[in-house]
Amino acid sequence: MEKPVFDLNKALEMVDGDKEFLKELVELFKKDYTEKLEEISSAIQKKDFKTIDEVAHSLKGASGNLGLMRIYELSFEIEKMGKEFKLEGVEKIYEELKEELNRFKEFVSQPGWEEG
């Protein structure tokens, strides 16, 4: 079964139930992740392991704080590849990460998503 894109309970817990604050965090994450994806993609092309590691780590942290568990897991996989200087299969994980981020974007584009 496909995991939900968003663990809303976890996310609300992180912001003490403040839905307005959660919406702000989601907006910041939405603005930020496109740039991070581009940075990771570019770093993969250049085999820039340090950037892959750092940017994936940053995305992992931000997604973890929002309860975006699948995005967190995929970011962690890419981060690990950067640390280990191994890029075998990274394109597949990167594509999956992009798909998950699109699912997230679609989810939070629906009015009232924060109500669960």
N, C-alpha and C. Protein backbone atom coordinates (compact mmCIF):
# COMPACT_ATOMS: atom_id res chain seq x y z
N MET A 1 0.84 -1.20 0.00
CA MET A 1 0.00 0.00 0.00
C MET A 1 0.88 1.26 0.00
N GLU A 2 0.47 2.23 -0.77
CA GLU A 2 1.24 3.47 -0.86
C GLU A 2 1.06 4.29 0.42
N LYS A 3 2.18 4.73 0.94
CA LYS A 3 2.12 5.55 2.15
C LYS A 3 1.49 6.90 1.83
N PRO A 4 0.76 7.48 2.79
CA PRO A 4 0.24 8.82 2.54
C PRO A 4 1.41 9.79 2.40
N VAL A 5 1.23 10.80 1.57
CA VAL A 5 2.31 11.75 1.31
C VAL A 5 2.65 12.54 2.58
N PHE A 6 1.69 12.67 3.46
CA PHE A 6 1.83 13.61 4.56
C PHE A 6 1.32 12.96 5.84
N ASP A 7 2.12 12.95 6.88
CA ASP A 7 1.64 12.52 8.18
C ASP A 7 1.17 13.78 8.91
N LEU A 8 -0.10 14.11 8.66
CA LEU A 8 -0.65 15.37 9.17
C LEU A 8 -0.60 15.44 10.69
N ASN A 9 -0.87 14.31 11.34
CA ASN A 9 -0.83 14.30 12.82
C ASN A 9 0.55 14.66 13.33
N LYS A 10 1.57 14.05 12.71
CA LYS A 10 2.96 14.33 13.12
C LYS A 10 3.29 15.80 12.87
N ALA A 11 2.89 16.29 11.70
CA ALA A 11 3.18 17.68 11.35
C ALA A 11 2.50 18.64 12.33
N LEU A 12 1.26 18.36 12.66
CA LEU A 12 0.53 19.23 13.61
C LEU A 12 1.15 19.17 15.00
N GLU A 13 1.63 17.98 15.35
CA GLU A 13 2.31 17.81 16.64
C GLU A 13 3.55 18.72 16.70
N MET A 14 4.28 18.76 15.60
CA MET A 14 5.52 19.56 15.54
C MET A 14 5.25 21.05 15.74
N VAL A 15 4.04 21.50 15.36
CA VAL A 15 3.71 22.93 15.47
C VAL A 15 2.68 23.18 16.57
N ASP A 16 2.58 22.24 17.49
CA ASP A 16 1.63 22.35 18.61
C ASP A 16 0.20 22.65 18.15
N GLY A 17 -0.19 22.03 17.05
CA GLY A 17 -1.56 22.17 16.58
C GLY A 17 -1.87 23.48 15.87
N ASP A 18 -0.85 24.31 15.63
CA ASP A 18 -1.05 25.62 15.00
C ASP A 18 -1.11 25.45 13.47
N LYS A 19 -2.33 25.37 12.95
CA LYS A 19 -2.52 25.10 11.51
C LYS A 19 -2.00 26.23 10.63
N GLU A 20 -2.12 27.47 11.10
CA GLU A 20 -1.63 28.60 10.30
C GLU A 20 -0.11 28.53 10.17
N PHE A 21 0.55 28.21 11.27
CA PHE A 21 2.01 28.09 11.25
C PHE A 21 2.42 26.93 10.33
N LEU A 22 1.67 25.82 10.41
CA LEU A 22 1.95 24.68 9.54
C LEU A 22 1.84 25.08 8.08
N LYS A 23 0.79 25.86 7.74
CA LYS A 23 0.61 26.31 6.36
C LYS A 23 1.79 27.17 5.91
N GLU A 24 2.30 28.01 6.81
CA GLU A 24 3.48 28.83 6.48
C GLU A 24 4.70 27.95 6.21
N LEU A 25 4.90 26.95 7.07
CA LEU A 25 6.03 26.04 6.89
C LEU A 25 5.92 25.29 5.56
N VAL A 26 4.71 24.86 5.24
CA VAL A 26 4.48 24.14 3.98
C VAL A 26 4.80 25.05 2.79
N GLU A 27 4.37 26.31 2.87
CA GLU A 27 4.66 27.25 1.78
C GLU A 27 6.17 27.45 1.61
N LEU A 28 6.88 27.59 2.72
CA LEU A 28 8.34 27.74 2.67
C LEU A 28 8.98 26.50 2.04
N PHE A 29 8.51 25.34 2.45
CA PHE A 29 9.06 24.09 1.93
C PHE A 29 8.78 23.99 0.42
N LYS A 30 7.57 24.38 0.01
CA LYS A 30 7.22 24.34 -1.41
C LYS A 30 8.14 25.23 -2.24
N LYS A 31 8.43 26.43 -1.72
CA LYS A 31 9.31 27.36 -2.44
C LYS A 31 10.73 26.80 -2.53
N ASP A 32 11.14 26.17 -1.46
CA ASP A 32 12.52 25.74 -1.28
C ASP A 32 12.87 24.45 -2.03
N TYR A 33 11.94 23.49 -2.07
CA TYR A 33 12.33 22.17 -2.57
C TYR A 33 12.65 22.14 -4.06
N THR A 34 12.01 23.02 -4.87
CA THR A 34 12.29 23.04 -6.30
C THR A 34 13.77 23.35 -6.54
N GLU A 35 14.26 24.34 -5.82
CA GLU A 35 15.67 24.73 -5.93
C GLU A 35 16.57 23.57 -5.48
N LYS A 36 16.19 22.92 -4.39
CA LYS A 36 16.98 21.80 -3.88
C LYS A 36 17.03 20.65 -4.88
N LEU A 37 15.90 20.37 -5.52
CA LEU A 37 15.87 19.31 -6.53
C LEU A 37 16.83 19.64 -7.67
N GLU A 38 16.80 20.89 -8.12
CA GLU A 38 17.70 21.30 -9.20
C GLU A 38 19.16 21.17 -8.78
N GLU A 39 19.44 21.56 -7.53
CA GLU A 39 20.82 21.45 -7.03
C GLU A 39 21.27 19.99 -7.00
N ILE A 40 20.39 19.11 -6.55
CA ILE A 40 20.74 17.68 -6.48
C ILE A 40 20.96 17.14 -7.89
N SER A 41 20.06 17.49 -8.81
CA SER A 41 20.17 17.02 -10.19
C SER A 41 21.50 17.46 -10.81
N SER A 42 21.81 18.73 -10.63
CA SER A 42 23.05 19.29 -11.16
C SER A 42 24.27 18.61 -10.53
N ALA A 43 24.20 18.39 -9.22
CA ALA A 43 25.31 17.75 -8.51
C ALA A 43 25.49 16.30 -8.97
N ILE A 44 24.39 15.61 -9.27
CA ILE A 44 24.48 14.24 -9.76
C ILE A 44 25.22 14.23 -11.10
N GLN A 45 24.84 15.16 -11.99
CA GLN A 45 25.49 15.25 -13.31
C GLN A 45 27.00 15.47 -13.16
N LYS A 46 27.36 16.32 -12.19
CA LYS A 46 28.78 16.67 -12.00
C LYS A 46 29.52 15.70 -11.09
N LYS A 47 28.76 14.72 -10.55
CA LYS A 47 29.33 13.80 -9.55
C LYS A 47 29.95 14.58 -8.37
N ASP A 48 29.21 15.62 -7.95
CA ASP A 48 29.62 16.47 -6.83
C ASP A 48 29.01 15.87 -5.55
N PHE A 49 29.72 14.92 -4.99
CA PHE A 49 29.19 14.15 -3.86
C PHE A 49 28.91 15.00 -2.63
N LYS A 50 29.76 16.00 -2.39
CA LYS A 50 29.58 16.86 -1.21
C LYS A 50 28.24 17.61 -1.31
N THR A 51 27.94 18.18 -2.47
CA THR A 51 26.69 18.90 -2.66
C THR A 51 25.50 17.95 -2.58
N ILE A 52 25.61 16.78 -3.18
CA ILE A 52 24.53 15.79 -3.10
C ILE A 52 24.22 15.50 -1.64
N ASP A 53 25.25 15.22 -0.88
CA ASP A 53 25.11 14.91 0.55
C ASP A 53 24.45 16.07 1.29
N GLU A 54 24.98 17.27 1.11
CA GLU A 54 24.50 18.44 1.87
C GLU A 54 23.07 18.83 1.52
N VAL A 55 22.75 18.88 0.23
CA VAL A 55 21.42 19.32 -0.18
C VAL A 55 20.38 18.26 0.18
N ALA A 56 20.71 16.99 -0.02
CA ALA A 56 19.78 15.91 0.34
C ALA A 56 19.57 15.90 1.86
N HIS A 57 20.62 16.19 2.61
CA HIS A 57 20.51 16.25 4.07
C HIS A 57 19.55 17.37 4.49
N SER A 58 19.68 18.50 3.85
CA SER A 58 18.82 19.65 4.14
C SER A 58 17.36 19.33 3.81
N LEU A 59 17.13 18.70 2.67
CA LEU A 59 15.78 18.32 2.25
C LEU A 59 15.21 17.27 3.22
N LYS A 60 16.07 16.38 3.65
CA LYS A 60 15.67 15.33 4.61
C LYS A 60 15.18 15.97 5.91
N GLY A 61 15.94 16.93 6.41
CA GLY A 61 15.57 17.59 7.66
C GLY A 61 14.24 18.33 7.55
N ALA A 62 14.10 19.10 6.48
CA ALA A 62 12.87 19.88 6.28
C ALA A 62 11.65 18.97 6.11
N SER A 63 11.81 17.88 5.36
CA SER A 63 10.68 16.98 5.14
C SER A 63 10.34 16.20 6.40
N GLY A 64 11.36 15.85 7.18
CA GLY A 64 11.13 15.15 8.44
C GLY A 64 10.33 16.01 9.41
N ASN A 65 10.65 17.28 9.45
CA ASN A 65 9.93 18.22 10.34
C ASN A 65 8.47 18.36 9.96
N LEU A 66 8.16 18.12 8.69
CA LEU A 66 6.78 18.25 8.24
C LEU A 66 6.03 16.92 8.22
N GLY A 67 6.71 15.85 8.60
CA GLY A 67 6.04 14.55 8.60
C GLY A 67 5.90 13.97 7.20
N LEU A 68 6.76 14.38 6.28
CA LEU A 68 6.75 13.85 4.90
C LEU A 68 7.68 12.64 4.85
N MET A 69 7.21 11.53 5.36
CA MET A 69 8.10 10.40 5.62
C MET A 69 8.73 9.80 4.37
N ARG A 70 7.99 9.66 3.28
CA ARG A 70 8.57 9.07 2.07
C ARG A 70 9.63 10.00 1.48
N ILE A 71 9.36 11.29 1.49
CA ILE A 71 10.34 12.26 0.99
C ILE A 71 11.58 12.21 1.88
N TYR A 72 11.37 12.08 3.18
CA TYR A 72 12.46 11.94 4.14
C TYR A 72 13.31 10.71 3.80
N GLU A 73 12.65 9.58 3.58
CA GLU A 73 13.38 8.33 3.28
C GLU A 73 14.18 8.44 1.99
N LEU A 74 13.58 8.99 0.95
CA LEU A 74 14.27 9.12 -0.34
C LEU A 74 15.44 10.10 -0.24
N SER A 75 15.24 11.19 0.47
CA SER A 75 16.33 12.16 0.67
C SER A 75 17.48 11.50 1.42
N PHE A 76 17.13 10.68 2.41
CA PHE A 76 18.14 9.98 3.18
C PHE A 76 18.94 9.03 2.28
N GLU A 77 18.26 8.32 1.39
CA GLU A 77 18.95 7.42 0.45
C GLU A 77 19.96 8.19 -0.40
N ILE A 78 19.51 9.33 -0.93
CA ILE A 78 20.40 10.13 -1.79
C ILE A 78 21.55 10.71 -0.97
N GLU A 79 21.25 11.16 0.24
CA GLU A 79 22.29 11.69 1.12
C GLU A 79 23.37 10.62 1.37
N LYS A 80 22.92 9.40 1.65
CA LYS A 80 23.84 8.29 1.91
C LYS A 80 24.72 8.02 0.70
N MET A 81 24.14 8.08 -0.49
CA MET A 81 24.91 7.86 -1.72
C MET A 81 26.00 8.93 -1.86
N GLY A 82 25.65 10.17 -1.52
CA GLY A 82 26.63 11.25 -1.57
C GLY A 82 27.77 11.00 -0.60
N LYS A 83 27.42 10.55 0.62
CA LYS A 83 28.44 10.27 1.64
C LYS A 83 29.37 9.13 1.23
N GLU A 84 28.77 8.13 0.55
CA GLU A 84 29.54 6.92 0.21
C GLU A 84 30.17 7.00 -1.19
N PHE A 85 30.02 8.14 -1.85
CA PHE A 85 30.56 8.32 -3.21
C PHE A 85 30.05 7.25 -4.17
N LYS A 86 28.78 6.88 -4.01
CA LYS A 86 28.19 5.87 -4.90
C LYS A 86 26.92 6.44 -5.50
N LEU A 87 26.85 6.44 -6.82
CA LEU A 87 25.67 6.99 -7.47
C LEU A 87 24.89 5.93 -8.25
N GLU A 88 25.22 4.69 -8.07
CA GLU A 88 24.53 3.62 -8.78
C GLU A 88 23.05 3.59 -8.36
N GLY A 89 22.16 3.79 -9.33
CA GLY A 89 20.73 3.78 -9.05
C GLY A 89 20.17 5.10 -8.54
N VAL A 90 21.01 6.12 -8.50
CA VAL A 90 20.56 7.41 -7.94
C VAL A 90 19.45 8.05 -8.79
N GLU A 91 19.50 7.85 -10.11
CA GLU A 91 18.49 8.47 -10.98
C GLU A 91 17.09 7.97 -10.62
N LYS A 92 16.99 6.67 -10.37
CA LYS A 92 15.69 6.07 -10.02
C LYS A 92 15.16 6.69 -8.72
N ILE A 93 16.02 6.82 -7.72
CA ILE A 93 15.61 7.39 -6.43
C ILE A 93 15.26 8.86 -6.60
N TYR A 94 16.06 9.55 -7.41
CA TYR A 94 15.80 10.97 -7.67
C TYR A 94 14.42 11.15 -8.33
N GLU A 95 14.12 10.31 -9.31
CA GLU A 95 12.82 10.39 -10.00
C GLU A 95 11.68 10.12 -9.02
N GLU A 96 11.87 9.15 -8.15
CA GLU A 96 10.85 8.83 -7.14
C GLU A 96 10.66 10.02 -6.19
N LEU A 97 11.76 10.65 -5.82
CA LEU A 97 11.72 11.82 -4.95
C LEU A 97 10.91 12.93 -5.63
N LYS A 98 11.18 13.16 -6.92
CA LYS A 98 10.44 14.17 -7.67
C LYS A 98 8.94 13.87 -7.68
N GLU A 99 8.60 12.60 -7.92
CA GLU A 99 7.19 12.20 -7.93
C GLU A 99 6.54 12.45 -6.58
N GLU A 100 7.24 12.08 -5.51
CA GLU A 100 6.70 12.27 -4.16
C GLU A 100 6.48 13.75 -3.88
N LEU A 101 7.43 14.58 -4.28
CA LEU A 101 7.30 16.02 -4.07
C LEU A 101 6.13 16.58 -4.86
N ASN A 102 5.89 16.03 -6.05
CA ASN A 102 4.73 16.45 -6.84
C ASN A 102 3.43 16.05 -6.15
N ARG A 103 3.41 14.84 -5.58
CA ARG A 103 2.23 14.39 -4.84
C ARG A 103 1.97 15.32 -3.66
N PHE A 104 3.05 15.70 -2.99
CA PHE A 104 2.95 16.62 -1.85
C PHE A 104 2.35 17.95 -2.32
N LYS A 105 2.89 18.48 -3.42
CA LYS A 105 2.44 19.76 -3.94
C LYS A 105 0.95 19.71 -4.30
N GLU A 106 0.54 18.62 -4.96
CA GLU A 106 -0.87 18.45 -5.30
C GLU A 106 -1.73 18.40 -4.05
N PHE A 107 -1.27 17.65 -3.05
CA PHE A 107 -2.01 17.50 -1.80
C PHE A 107 -2.24 18.84 -1.12
N VAL A 108 -1.17 19.63 -0.99
CA VAL A 108 -1.29 20.91 -0.27
C VAL A 108 -1.88 22.02 -1.15
N SER A 109 -2.17 21.70 -2.41
CA SER A 109 -2.84 22.68 -3.27
C SER A 109 -4.35 22.59 -3.09
N GLN A 110 -4.82 21.52 -2.45
CA GLN A 110 -6.25 21.36 -2.23
C GLN A 110 -6.68 22.23 -1.05
N PRO A 111 -7.74 23.00 -1.23
CA PRO A 111 -8.23 23.82 -0.12
C PRO A 111 -8.60 22.93 1.08
N GLY A 112 -8.22 23.39 2.25
CA GLY A 112 -8.58 22.68 3.47
C GLY A 112 -7.75 21.44 3.76
N TRP A 113 -6.61 21.25 3.06
CA TRP A 113 -5.77 20.06 3.29
C TRP A 113 -5.36 19.95 4.74
N GLU A 114 -5.16 21.11 5.40
CA GLU A 114 -4.66 21.10 6.79
C GLU A 114 -5.71 20.62 7.79
N GLU A 115 -6.95 20.48 7.31
CA GLU A 115 -8.00 19.98 8.20
C GLU A 115 -7.99 18.46 8.27
N GLY A 116 -7.23 17.85 7.34
CA GLY A 116 -7.11 16.39 7.33
C GLY A 116 -8.28 15.77 6.69
